[in-house]
Amino acid sequence: MPTGKWHLFISEREWSVATKFHSCSRADTDAEDVNAALRQLDGQRLVAVARRGGGSDWVLEFDLGGVLRIGAPTPPASDEDIAQ
């Protein structure tokens, strides 16, 4: 099985990270919180990848319990939604 460092770039998708001590999502604006959660994934081994939600969502599971969820983007609010 291949090993080593890897990088993942996620663009225009919803995402969330959950680890034993931290969690964050695309909606989080505090870079410190996001970095803390991502640091918890550093060094964990990817053990499972599953497609969910009719193929538009992905879940990546890591050996120490970390989970990265990647999903379809949330549609932008329409003018009607904003007015309500």
C-alpha atoms as a PDB file:
ATOM      1  CA  MET A   1       0.000   0.000   0.000  1.00  0.00           C
ATOM      2  CA  PRO A   2       1.380   3.441  -0.905  1.00  0.00           C
ATOM      3  CA  THR A   3       2.467   5.644   1.963  1.00  0.00           C
ATOM      4  CA  GLY A   4       3.739   9.168   2.317  1.00  0.00           C
ATOM      5  CA  LYS A   5       2.608  12.748   2.455  1.00  0.00           C
ATOM      6  CA  TRP A   6      -0.373  13.843   0.454  1.00  0.00           C
ATOM      7  CA  HIS A   7      -2.431  16.981  -0.024  1.00  0.00           C
ATOM      8  CA  LEU A   8      -6.105  17.405  -0.818  1.00  0.00           C
ATOM      9  CA  PHE A   9      -7.573  20.554  -2.313  1.00  0.00           C
ATOM     10  CA  ILE A  10     -11.350  20.961  -2.002  1.00  0.00           C
ATOM     11  CA  SER A  11     -13.028  23.653  -4.053  1.00  0.00           C
ATOM     12  CA  GLU A  12     -16.700  24.590  -4.219  1.00  0.00           C
ATOM     13  CA  ARG A  13     -17.826  21.665  -2.062  1.00  0.00           C
ATOM     14  CA  GLU A  14     -19.106  21.465   1.484  1.00  0.00           C
ATOM     15  CA  TRP A  15     -16.700  19.755   3.869  1.00  0.00           C
ATOM     16  CA  SER A  16     -16.324  18.971   7.530  1.00  0.00           C
ATOM     17  CA  VAL A  17     -13.591  17.431   9.663  1.00  0.00           C
ATOM     18  CA  ALA A  18     -14.182  15.660  12.956  1.00  0.00           C
ATOM     19  CA  THR A  19     -11.412  14.329  15.189  1.00  0.00           C
ATOM     20  CA  LYS A  20     -11.248  13.243  18.801  1.00  0.00           C
ATOM     21  CA  PHE A  21     -10.667  16.790  20.064  1.00  0.00           C
ATOM     22  CA  HIS A  22     -11.646  19.170  17.245  1.00  0.00           C
ATOM     23  CA  SER A  23     -14.190  19.662  14.507  1.00  0.00           C
ATOM     24  CA  CYS A  24     -14.696  22.258  11.805  1.00  0.00           C
ATOM     25  CA  SER A  25     -16.457  22.832   8.515  1.00  0.00           C
ATOM     26  CA  ARG A  26     -16.341  25.062   5.469  1.00  0.00           C
ATOM     27  CA  ALA A  27     -18.574  27.537   7.308  1.00  0.00           C
ATOM     28  CA  ASP A  28     -15.965  28.125  10.036  1.00  0.00           C
ATOM     29  CA  THR A  29     -14.161  31.414   9.688  1.00  0.00           C
ATOM     30  CA  ASP A  30     -11.678  30.987  12.530  1.00  0.00           C
ATOM     31  CA  ALA A  31      -8.488  29.785  10.848  1.00  0.00           C
ATOM     32  CA  GLU A  32      -7.090  28.674  14.202  1.00  0.00           C
ATOM     33  CA  ASP A  33     -10.004  26.255  14.743  1.00  0.00           C
ATOM     34  CA  VAL A  34      -9.706  24.893  11.209  1.00  0.00           C
ATOM     35  CA  ASN A  35      -5.940  24.433  11.535  1.00  0.00           C
ATOM     36  CA  ALA A  36      -6.342  22.668  14.894  1.00  0.00           C
ATOM     37  CA  ALA A  37      -8.743  20.131  13.387  1.00  0.00           C
ATOM     38  CA  LEU A  38      -6.569  19.599  10.318  1.00  0.00           C
ATOM     39  CA  ARG A  39      -3.456  19.130  12.487  1.00  0.00           C
ATOM     40  CA  GLN A  40      -5.321  16.317  14.262  1.00  0.00           C
ATOM     41  CA  LEU A  41      -5.626  14.522  10.892  1.00  0.00           C
ATOM     42  CA  ASP A  42      -1.909  14.931  10.214  1.00  0.00           C
ATOM     43  CA  GLY A  43      -0.217  11.560  10.589  1.00  0.00           C
ATOM     44  CA  GLN A  44      -3.426   9.555  10.607  1.00  0.00           C
ATOM     45  CA  ARG A  45      -3.637   6.750   8.068  1.00  0.00           C
ATOM     46  CA  LEU A  46      -6.520   6.764   5.601  1.00  0.00           C
ATOM     47  CA  VAL A  47      -8.362   3.476   6.158  1.00  0.00           C
ATOM     48  CA  ALA A  48     -11.661   3.836   4.298  1.00  0.00           C
ATOM     49  CA  VAL A  49     -13.327   5.879   1.571  1.00  0.00           C
ATOM     50  CA  ALA A  50     -17.076   5.599   1.020  1.00  0.00           C
ATOM     51  CA  ARG A  51     -19.451   7.248  -1.418  1.00  0.00           C
ATOM     52  CA  ARG A  52     -22.739   8.366   0.124  1.00  0.00           C
ATOM     53  CA  GLY A  53     -25.810  10.388  -0.794  1.00  0.00           C
ATOM     54  CA  GLY A  54     -26.345   8.976  -4.256  1.00  0.00           C
ATOM     55  CA  GLY A  55     -22.716   9.440  -5.185  1.00  0.00           C
ATOM     56  CA  SER A  56     -22.398  13.156  -4.505  1.00  0.00           C
ATOM     57  CA  ASP A  57     -20.970  12.838  -0.981  1.00  0.00           C
ATOM     58  CA  TRP A  58     -17.750  11.198   0.178  1.00  0.00           C
ATOM     59  CA  VAL A  59     -16.591  10.114   3.639  1.00  0.00           C
ATOM     60  CA  LEU A  60     -12.897   9.522   4.343  1.00  0.00           C
ATOM     61  CA  GLU A  61     -12.115   7.691   7.583  1.00  0.00           C
ATOM     62  CA  PHE A  62      -8.757   7.653   9.312  1.00  0.00           C
ATOM     63  CA  ASP A  63      -7.155   5.132  11.676  1.00  0.00           C
ATOM     64  CA  LEU A  64      -7.301   7.288  14.815  1.00  0.00           C
ATOM     65  CA  GLY A  65     -10.963   8.172  14.373  1.00  0.00           C
ATOM     66  CA  GLY A  66     -10.678  11.251  12.186  1.00  0.00           C
ATOM     67  CA  VAL A  67     -13.386  11.726   9.569  1.00  0.00           C
ATOM     68  CA  LEU A  68     -13.465  14.052   6.556  1.00  0.00           C
ATOM     69  CA  ARG A  69     -16.855  14.491   4.875  1.00  0.00           C
ATOM     70  CA  ILE A  70     -17.095  16.100   1.438  1.00  0.00           C
ATOM     71  CA  GLY A  71     -20.497  16.923  -0.008  1.00  0.00           C
ATOM     72  CA  ALA A  72     -22.339  18.736  -2.729  1.00  0.00           C
ATOM     73  CA  PRO A  73     -22.234  22.505  -2.464  1.00  0.00           C
ATOM     74  CA  THR A  74     -25.097  24.266  -0.756  1.00  0.00           C
ATOM     75  CA  PRO A  75     -27.073  26.228  -3.348  1.00  0.00           C
ATOM     76  CA  PRO A  76     -26.852  29.991  -2.883  1.00  0.00           C
ATOM     77  CA  ALA A  77     -29.834  31.675  -1.240  1.00  0.00           C
ATOM     78  CA  SER A  78     -32.286  33.165  -3.681  1.00  0.00           C
ATOM     79  CA  ASP A  79     -33.577  36.750  -3.355  1.00  0.00           C
ATOM     80  CA  GLU A  80     -36.892  35.293  -2.071  1.00  0.00           C
ATOM     81  CA  ASP A  81     -35.102  33.347   0.680  1.00  0.00           C
ATOM     82  CA  ILE A  82     -33.198  36.439   1.766  1.00  0.00           C
ATOM     83  CA  ALA A  83     -36.388  38.573   1.871  1.00  0.00           C
ATOM     84  CA  GLN A  84     -38.147  36.162   4.241  1.00  0.00           C
END
